[in-house]
Amino acid sequence: MPGWEVYAILAVLLLLVFFLYLMVRRTVTGFKEGIKESQRK
């Protein structure tokens, strides 16, 4: 039977993955927008 420590570590890992996903998605969308802007000129 896992203790609460295991669940705490899992929760922290999930939060880290979630933040990383958000940052990567924002970076990719910004990158695509930059490409579109450079193509317009």
C-alpha atoms as a PDB file:
ATOM      1  CA  MET A   1       0.000   0.000   0.000  1.00  0.00           C
ATOM      2  CA  PRO A   2       1.698   3.231  -1.157  1.00  0.00           C
ATOM      3  CA  GLY A   3       1.977   6.079   1.305  1.00  0.00           C
ATOM      4  CA  TRP A   4       0.916   9.679   0.805  1.00  0.00           C
ATOM      5  CA  GLU A   5       4.479  10.524  -0.250  1.00  0.00           C
ATOM      6  CA  VAL A   6       4.020   8.525  -3.443  1.00  0.00           C
ATOM      7  CA  TYR A   7       0.847  10.428  -4.289  1.00  0.00           C
ATOM      8  CA  ALA A   8       2.553  13.764  -3.502  1.00  0.00           C
ATOM      9  CA  ILE A   9       5.420  12.926  -5.879  1.00  0.00           C
ATOM     10  CA  LEU A  10       2.954  11.861  -8.580  1.00  0.00           C
ATOM     11  CA  ALA A  11       0.982  15.101  -8.177  1.00  0.00           C
ATOM     12  CA  VAL A  12       4.159  17.203  -8.504  1.00  0.00           C
ATOM     13  CA  LEU A  13       5.204  15.256 -11.611  1.00  0.00           C
ATOM     14  CA  LEU A  14       1.775  15.765 -13.178  1.00  0.00           C
ATOM     15  CA  LEU A  15       1.948  19.511 -12.484  1.00  0.00           C
ATOM     16  CA  LEU A  16       5.433  19.719 -14.017  1.00  0.00           C
ATOM     17  CA  VAL A  17       4.295  17.878 -17.163  1.00  0.00           C
ATOM     18  CA  PHE A  18       1.226  20.121 -17.412  1.00  0.00           C
ATOM     19  CA  PHE A  19       3.285  23.331 -17.147  1.00  0.00           C
ATOM     20  CA  LEU A  20       5.824  22.026 -19.658  1.00  0.00           C
ATOM     21  CA  TYR A  21       3.005  21.174 -22.080  1.00  0.00           C
ATOM     22  CA  LEU A  22       1.510  24.659 -21.742  1.00  0.00           C
ATOM     23  CA  MET A  23       4.881  26.370 -22.266  1.00  0.00           C
ATOM     24  CA  VAL A  24       5.745  24.226 -25.302  1.00  0.00           C
ATOM     25  CA  ARG A  25       2.309  24.808 -26.855  1.00  0.00           C
ATOM     26  CA  ARG A  26       2.604  28.568 -26.327  1.00  0.00           C
ATOM     27  CA  THR A  27       6.102  28.589 -27.795  1.00  0.00           C
ATOM     28  CA  VAL A  28       4.993  26.573 -30.847  1.00  0.00           C
ATOM     29  CA  THR A  29       1.992  28.830 -31.507  1.00  0.00           C
ATOM     30  CA  GLY A  30       4.192  31.924 -31.160  1.00  0.00           C
ATOM     31  CA  PHE A  31       6.718  30.362 -33.526  1.00  0.00           C
ATOM     32  CA  LYS A  32       4.028  29.652 -36.134  1.00  0.00           C
ATOM     33  CA  GLU A  33       2.685  33.197 -35.809  1.00  0.00           C
ATOM     34  CA  GLY A  34       6.193  34.537 -36.385  1.00  0.00           C
ATOM     35  CA  ILE A  35       6.554  32.413 -39.525  1.00  0.00           C
ATOM     36  CA  LYS A  36       3.207  33.693 -40.844  1.00  0.00           C
ATOM     37  CA  GLU A  37       4.243  37.302 -40.154  1.00  0.00           C
ATOM     38  CA  SER A  38       7.575  36.860 -41.952  1.00  0.00           C
ATOM     39  CA  GLN A  39       5.827  35.293 -44.964  1.00  0.00           C
ATOM     40  CA  ARG A  40       3.415  38.244 -45.267  1.00  0.00           C
ATOM     41  CA  LYS A  41       6.234  40.767 -45.690  1.00  0.00           C
END
